[in-house]
């Protein structure tokens, strides 16, 4: 199961990166086409949807690799036993919060599909299609947070802490800036 989840997080991070690349291609293409007088208004809608897709697909990967913003001032100043209790509490609260987000993101997307809601921009596509990245990404983030909670409950160190420690051991403090 560990191998499957790690590959899933990595794959979704890669999908998020592909969407970032596509955003760049679309924006450069739009700039070039404007110089030739080609109207490219619908590209703005697609870029907005791709921004959301890039963000939500990459969230679980970023969380697991220590790239989320964490305020560790308190955690760094308490003994290991208290730190573990605080990590469990934070991950439990995070699991509930992200679970709530995932529930409503999927409900929202389902409602858009059920009511045949169409995007109101220049590109009239069913809105559930771009919303699906929000729904899927939120579920994946929920799985990642629960995964970390299970790791800590079983006595392990959070994956995101290990990732940051490894970067620091290699002299990379770029994520701390």
C-alpha atoms as a PDB file:
ATOM      1  CA  UNK A   1       0.000   0.000   0.000  1.00  0.00           C
ATOM      2  CA  UNK A   2       2.877   2.393   0.822  1.00  0.00           C
ATOM      3  CA  UNK A   3       4.377   2.017  -2.643  1.00  0.00           C
ATOM      4  CA  UNK A   4       0.985   2.612  -4.292  1.00  0.00           C
ATOM      5  CA  UNK A   5       0.295   5.768  -2.280  1.00  0.00           C
ATOM      6  CA  UNK A   6       3.766   7.199  -2.853  1.00  0.00           C
ATOM      7  CA  UNK A   7       3.435   6.606  -6.587  1.00  0.00           C
ATOM      8  CA  UNK A   8      -0.037   8.160  -6.568  1.00  0.00           C
ATOM      9  CA  UNK A   9       1.248  11.306  -4.817  1.00  0.00           C
ATOM     10  CA  UNK A  10       4.171  11.518  -7.208  1.00  0.00           C
ATOM     11  CA  UNK A  11       1.963  10.982 -10.271  1.00  0.00           C
ATOM     12  CA  UNK A  12      -0.472  13.673  -9.196  1.00  0.00           C
ATOM     13  CA  UNK A  13       2.428  16.051  -8.550  1.00  0.00           C
ATOM     14  CA  UNK A  14       3.602  15.323 -12.091  1.00  0.00           C
ATOM     15  CA  UNK A  15       0.093  15.985 -13.441  1.00  0.00           C
ATOM     16  CA  UNK A  16       0.108  19.301 -11.567  1.00  0.00           C
ATOM     17  CA  UNK A  17       3.462  20.132 -13.177  1.00  0.00           C
ATOM     18  CA  UNK A  18       2.062  19.285 -16.619  1.00  0.00           C
ATOM     19  CA  UNK A  19      -0.779  21.736 -16.018  1.00  0.00           C
ATOM     20  CA  UNK A  20       1.755  24.432 -15.070  1.00  0.00           C
ATOM     21  CA  UNK A  21       3.590  23.735 -18.321  1.00  0.00           C
ATOM     22  CA  UNK A  22       0.345  23.900 -20.280  1.00  0.00           C
ATOM     23  CA  UNK A  23      -0.439  27.249 -18.675  1.00  0.00           C
ATOM     24  CA  UNK A  24       2.901  28.552 -19.925  1.00  0.00           C
ATOM     25  CA  UNK A  25       2.309  27.194 -23.427  1.00  0.00           C
ATOM     26  CA  UNK A  26      -1.192  28.689 -23.580  1.00  0.00           C
ATOM     27  CA  UNK A  27      -0.080  32.084 -22.355  1.00  0.00           C
ATOM     28  CA  UNK A  28       2.855  32.275 -24.763  1.00  0.00           C
ATOM     29  CA  UNK A  29       0.646  31.033 -27.586  1.00  0.00           C
ATOM     30  CA  UNK A  30      -1.980  33.612 -26.721  1.00  0.00           C
ATOM     31  CA  UNK A  31       0.618  36.392 -26.753  1.00  0.00           C
ATOM     32  CA  UNK A  32       1.944  35.315 -30.143  1.00  0.00           C
ATOM     33  CA  UNK A  33      -1.525  34.902 -31.651  1.00  0.00           C
ATOM     34  CA  UNK A  34      -2.579  38.365 -30.451  1.00  0.00           C
ATOM     35  CA  UNK A  35       0.284  39.840 -32.467  1.00  0.00           C
ATOM     36  CA  UNK A  36      -1.293  38.299 -35.572  1.00  0.00           C
ATOM     37  CA  UNK A  37      -4.746  39.631 -34.718  1.00  0.00           C
ATOM     38  CA  UNK A  38      -6.201  36.275 -33.638  1.00  0.00           C
ATOM     39  CA  UNK A  39      -8.825  36.490 -30.899  1.00  0.00           C
ATOM     40  CA  UNK A  40      -7.943  34.262 -27.978  1.00  0.00           C
ATOM     41  CA  UNK A  41     -10.492  35.174 -25.298  1.00  0.00           C
ATOM     42  CA  UNK A  42     -11.403  31.617 -24.353  1.00  0.00           C
ATOM     43  CA  UNK A  43      -7.774  30.913 -23.471  1.00  0.00           C
ATOM     44  CA  UNK A  44      -8.245  32.978 -20.309  1.00  0.00           C
ATOM     45  CA  UNK A  45     -10.962  30.578 -19.116  1.00  0.00           C
ATOM     46  CA  UNK A  46      -8.801  27.539 -19.850  1.00  0.00           C
ATOM     47  CA  UNK A  47      -5.785  29.063 -18.079  1.00  0.00           C
ATOM     48  CA  UNK A  48      -7.923  29.746 -15.002  1.00  0.00           C
ATOM     49  CA  UNK A  49      -9.124  26.127 -14.951  1.00  0.00           C
ATOM     50  CA  UNK A  50      -5.581  24.867 -15.466  1.00  0.00           C
ATOM     51  CA  UNK A  51      -4.383  27.006 -12.538  1.00  0.00           C
ATOM     52  CA  UNK A  52      -6.933  25.306 -10.285  1.00  0.00           C
ATOM     53  CA  UNK A  53      -6.010  21.876 -11.662  1.00  0.00           C
ATOM     54  CA  UNK A  54      -2.289  22.508 -11.154  1.00  0.00           C
ATOM     55  CA  UNK A  55      -2.884  23.589  -7.569  1.00  0.00           C
ATOM     56  CA  UNK A  56      -5.181  20.799  -6.506  1.00  0.00           C
ATOM     57  CA  UNK A  57      -3.342  17.984  -8.266  1.00  0.00           C
ATOM     58  CA  UNK A  58      -0.063  19.060  -6.654  1.00  0.00           C
ATOM     59  CA  UNK A  59      -1.332  19.565  -3.089  1.00  0.00           C
ATOM     60  CA  UNK A  60      -0.917  16.005  -1.803  1.00  0.00           C
ATOM     61  CA  UNK A  61       2.571  15.765  -3.312  1.00  0.00           C
ATOM     62  CA  UNK A  62       3.566  19.113  -1.808  1.00  0.00           C
ATOM     63  CA  UNK A  63       2.157  18.143   1.596  1.00  0.00           C
ATOM     64  CA  UNK A  64       3.974  14.816   1.719  1.00  0.00           C
ATOM     65  CA  UNK A  65       7.287  16.399   0.663  1.00  0.00           C
ATOM     66  CA  UNK A  66       7.292  19.174   3.262  1.00  0.00           C
ATOM     67  CA  UNK A  67       6.466  21.963   0.850  1.00  0.00           C
ATOM     68  CA  UNK A  68       3.388  23.227   2.689  1.00  0.00           C
ATOM     69  CA  UNK A  69       3.852  26.216   4.971  1.00  0.00           C
ATOM     70  CA  UNK A  70       4.068  24.975   8.548  1.00  0.00           C
ATOM     71  CA  UNK A  71       4.563  27.110  11.631  1.00  0.00           C
ATOM     72  CA  UNK A  72       6.790  24.928  13.807  1.00  0.00           C
ATOM     73  CA  UNK A  73       7.852  27.446  16.453  1.00  0.00           C
ATOM     74  CA  UNK A  74       5.916  25.614  19.170  1.00  0.00           C
ATOM     75  CA  UNK A  75       6.755  22.130  17.890  1.00  0.00           C
ATOM     76  CA  UNK A  76      10.474  22.892  17.837  1.00  0.00           C
ATOM     77  CA  UNK A  77      10.442  24.080  21.451  1.00  0.00           C
ATOM     78  CA  UNK A  78       8.717  21.133  23.150  1.00  0.00           C
ATOM     79  CA  UNK A  79      10.066  17.698  24.110  1.00  0.00           C
ATOM     80  CA  UNK A  80       9.697  14.803  21.662  1.00  0.00           C
ATOM     81  CA  UNK A  81       6.732  13.268  23.508  1.00  0.00           C
ATOM     82  CA  UNK A  82       4.766  16.531  23.502  1.00  0.00           C
ATOM     83  CA  UNK A  83       5.742  17.145  19.880  1.00  0.00           C
ATOM     84  CA  UNK A  84       4.292  13.763  18.897  1.00  0.00           C
ATOM     85  CA  UNK A  85       1.038  14.553  20.743  1.00  0.00           C
ATOM     86  CA  UNK A  86       0.824  17.934  19.021  1.00  0.00           C
ATOM     87  CA  UNK A  87       1.547  16.368  15.603  1.00  0.00           C
ATOM     88  CA  UNK A  88      -1.258  13.856  16.200  1.00  0.00           C
ATOM     89  CA  UNK A  89      -3.648  16.604  17.263  1.00  0.00           C
ATOM     90  CA  UNK A  90      -2.765  18.782  14.270  1.00  0.00           C
ATOM     91  CA  UNK A  91      -3.051  15.907  11.815  1.00  0.00           C
ATOM     92  CA  UNK A  92      -6.376  14.837  13.342  1.00  0.00           C
ATOM     93  CA  UNK A  93      -7.795  18.353  13.029  1.00  0.00           C
ATOM     94  CA  UNK A  94      -6.326  18.610   9.525  1.00  0.00           C
ATOM     95  CA  UNK A  95      -7.932  15.298   8.560  1.00  0.00           C
ATOM     96  CA  UNK A  96     -11.340  16.515   9.673  1.00  0.00           C
ATOM     97  CA  UNK A  97     -10.926  19.886   7.936  1.00  0.00           C
ATOM     98  CA  UNK A  98      -9.634  18.435   4.663  1.00  0.00           C
ATOM     99  CA  UNK A  99     -12.256  15.668   4.815  1.00  0.00           C
ATOM    100  CA  UNK A 100     -14.922  18.362   5.084  1.00  0.00           C
ATOM    101  CA  UNK A 101     -13.392  20.190   2.119  1.00  0.00           C
ATOM    102  CA  UNK A 102     -13.255  16.985   0.073  1.00  0.00           C
ATOM    103  CA  UNK A 103     -16.860  16.116   0.880  1.00  0.00           C
ATOM    104  CA  UNK A 104     -18.192  19.485  -0.229  1.00  0.00           C
ATOM    105  CA  UNK A 105     -15.881  19.764  -3.235  1.00  0.00           C
ATOM    106  CA  UNK A 106     -17.217  16.472  -4.521  1.00  0.00           C
ATOM    107  CA  UNK A 107     -20.800  17.376  -3.648  1.00  0.00           C
ATOM    108  CA  UNK A 108     -20.391  20.696  -5.463  1.00  0.00           C
ATOM    109  CA  UNK A 109     -18.955  18.964  -8.533  1.00  0.00           C
ATOM    110  CA  UNK A 110     -21.698  16.342  -8.482  1.00  0.00           C
ATOM    111  CA  UNK A 111     -24.370  19.052  -8.280  1.00  0.00           C
ATOM    112  CA  UNK A 112     -22.830  20.801 -11.290  1.00  0.00           C
ATOM    113  CA  UNK A 113     -22.941  17.524 -13.208  1.00  0.00           C
ATOM    114  CA  UNK A 114     -26.473  16.704 -12.074  1.00  0.00           C
ATOM    115  CA  UNK A 115     -27.870  20.116 -13.052  1.00  0.00           C
ATOM    116  CA  UNK A 116     -25.939  20.239 -16.362  1.00  0.00           C
ATOM    117  CA  UNK A 117     -24.292  23.502 -15.356  1.00  0.00           C
ATOM    118  CA  UNK A 118     -22.292  25.092 -18.164  1.00  0.00           C
ATOM    119  CA  UNK A 119     -19.391  27.526 -17.870  1.00  0.00           C
ATOM    120  CA  UNK A 120     -20.458  31.100 -18.487  1.00  0.00           C
ATOM    121  CA  UNK A 121     -17.263  32.247 -20.185  1.00  0.00           C
ATOM    122  CA  UNK A 122     -16.467  32.167 -23.882  1.00  0.00           C
ATOM    123  CA  UNK A 123     -16.021  28.392 -23.800  1.00  0.00           C
ATOM    124  CA  UNK A 124     -19.349  26.812 -22.824  1.00  0.00           C
ATOM    125  CA  UNK A 125     -18.297  23.407 -21.500  1.00  0.00           C
ATOM    126  CA  UNK A 126     -19.891  21.467 -18.647  1.00  0.00           C
ATOM    127  CA  UNK A 127     -18.425  23.094 -15.552  1.00  0.00           C
ATOM    128  CA  UNK A 128     -18.039  19.792 -13.720  1.00  0.00           C
ATOM    129  CA  UNK A 129     -15.094  18.976 -16.001  1.00  0.00           C
ATOM    130  CA  UNK A 130     -12.763  21.667 -14.625  1.00  0.00           C
ATOM    131  CA  UNK A 131     -14.288  21.222 -11.153  1.00  0.00           C
ATOM    132  CA  UNK A 132     -13.269  17.547 -11.200  1.00  0.00           C
ATOM    133  CA  UNK A 133      -9.640  18.509 -10.553  1.00  0.00           C
ATOM    134  CA  UNK A 134     -10.768  20.329  -7.393  1.00  0.00           C
ATOM    135  CA  UNK A 135     -12.798  17.315  -6.284  1.00  0.00           C
ATOM    136  CA  UNK A 136     -10.079  14.746  -7.018  1.00  0.00           C
ATOM    137  CA  UNK A 137      -7.263  16.865  -5.597  1.00  0.00           C
ATOM    138  CA  UNK A 138      -9.129  17.477  -2.347  1.00  0.00           C
ATOM    139  CA  UNK A 139      -9.762  13.737  -1.916  1.00  0.00           C
ATOM    140  CA  UNK A 140      -6.111  13.015  -2.583  1.00  0.00           C
ATOM    141  CA  UNK A 141      -5.041  15.643  -0.041  1.00  0.00           C
ATOM    142  CA  UNK A 142      -7.414  14.059   2.477  1.00  0.00           C
ATOM    143  CA  UNK A 143      -5.824  10.666   1.866  1.00  0.00           C
ATOM    144  CA  UNK A 144      -2.350  12.190   2.299  1.00  0.00           C
ATOM    145  CA  UNK A 145      -3.248  13.853   5.611  1.00  0.00           C
ATOM    146  CA  UNK A 146      -4.856  10.665   6.957  1.00  0.00           C
ATOM    147  CA  UNK A 147      -1.815   8.729   5.708  1.00  0.00           C
ATOM    148  CA  UNK A 148       0.452  11.013   7.765  1.00  0.00           C
ATOM    149  CA  UNK A 149      -1.824  10.655  10.790  1.00  0.00           C
ATOM    150  CA  UNK A 150      -1.556   6.862  10.566  1.00  0.00           C
ATOM    151  CA  UNK A 151       2.237   7.061  10.230  1.00  0.00           C
ATOM    152  CA  UNK A 152       2.501   9.203  13.371  1.00  0.00           C
ATOM    153  CA  UNK A 153      -0.004   7.078  15.313  1.00  0.00           C
ATOM    154  CA  UNK A 154       2.100   4.016  14.502  1.00  0.00           C
ATOM    155  CA  UNK A 155       5.132   5.721  16.041  1.00  0.00           C
ATOM    156  CA  UNK A 156       6.775   7.038  12.885  1.00  0.00           C
ATOM    157  CA  UNK A 157       8.042  10.480  12.069  1.00  0.00           C
ATOM    158  CA  UNK A 158       5.889  12.486   9.646  1.00  0.00           C
ATOM    159  CA  UNK A 159       7.059  12.132   6.056  1.00  0.00           C
ATOM    160  CA  UNK A 160       7.096  15.891   5.565  1.00  0.00           C
ATOM    161  CA  UNK A 161       9.412  16.313   8.571  1.00  0.00           C
ATOM    162  CA  UNK A 162      11.759  13.628   7.232  1.00  0.00           C
ATOM    163  CA  UNK A 163      11.791  15.318   3.804  1.00  0.00           C
ATOM    164  CA  UNK A 164      12.697  18.707   5.313  1.00  0.00           C
ATOM    165  CA  UNK A 165      15.377  17.145   7.516  1.00  0.00           C
ATOM    166  CA  UNK A 166      16.912  15.429   4.478  1.00  0.00           C
ATOM    167  CA  UNK A 167      17.005  18.712   2.561  1.00  0.00           C
ATOM    168  CA  UNK A 168      18.621  20.457   5.528  1.00  0.00           C
ATOM    169  CA  UNK A 169      21.212  17.666   5.849  1.00  0.00           C
ATOM    170  CA  UNK A 170      22.151  18.309   2.202  1.00  0.00           C
ATOM    171  CA  UNK A 171      22.523  22.028   2.905  1.00  0.00           C
ATOM    172  CA  UNK A 172      19.289  23.019   1.153  1.00  0.00           C
ATOM    173  CA  UNK A 173      17.454  25.587   3.238  1.00  0.00           C
ATOM    174  CA  UNK A 174      15.518  27.089   0.314  1.00  0.00           C
ATOM    175  CA  UNK A 175      12.161  25.929   1.668  1.00  0.00           C
ATOM    176  CA  UNK A 176      12.767  27.895   4.874  1.00  0.00           C
ATOM    177  CA  UNK A 177      13.020  31.255   3.138  1.00  0.00           C
END
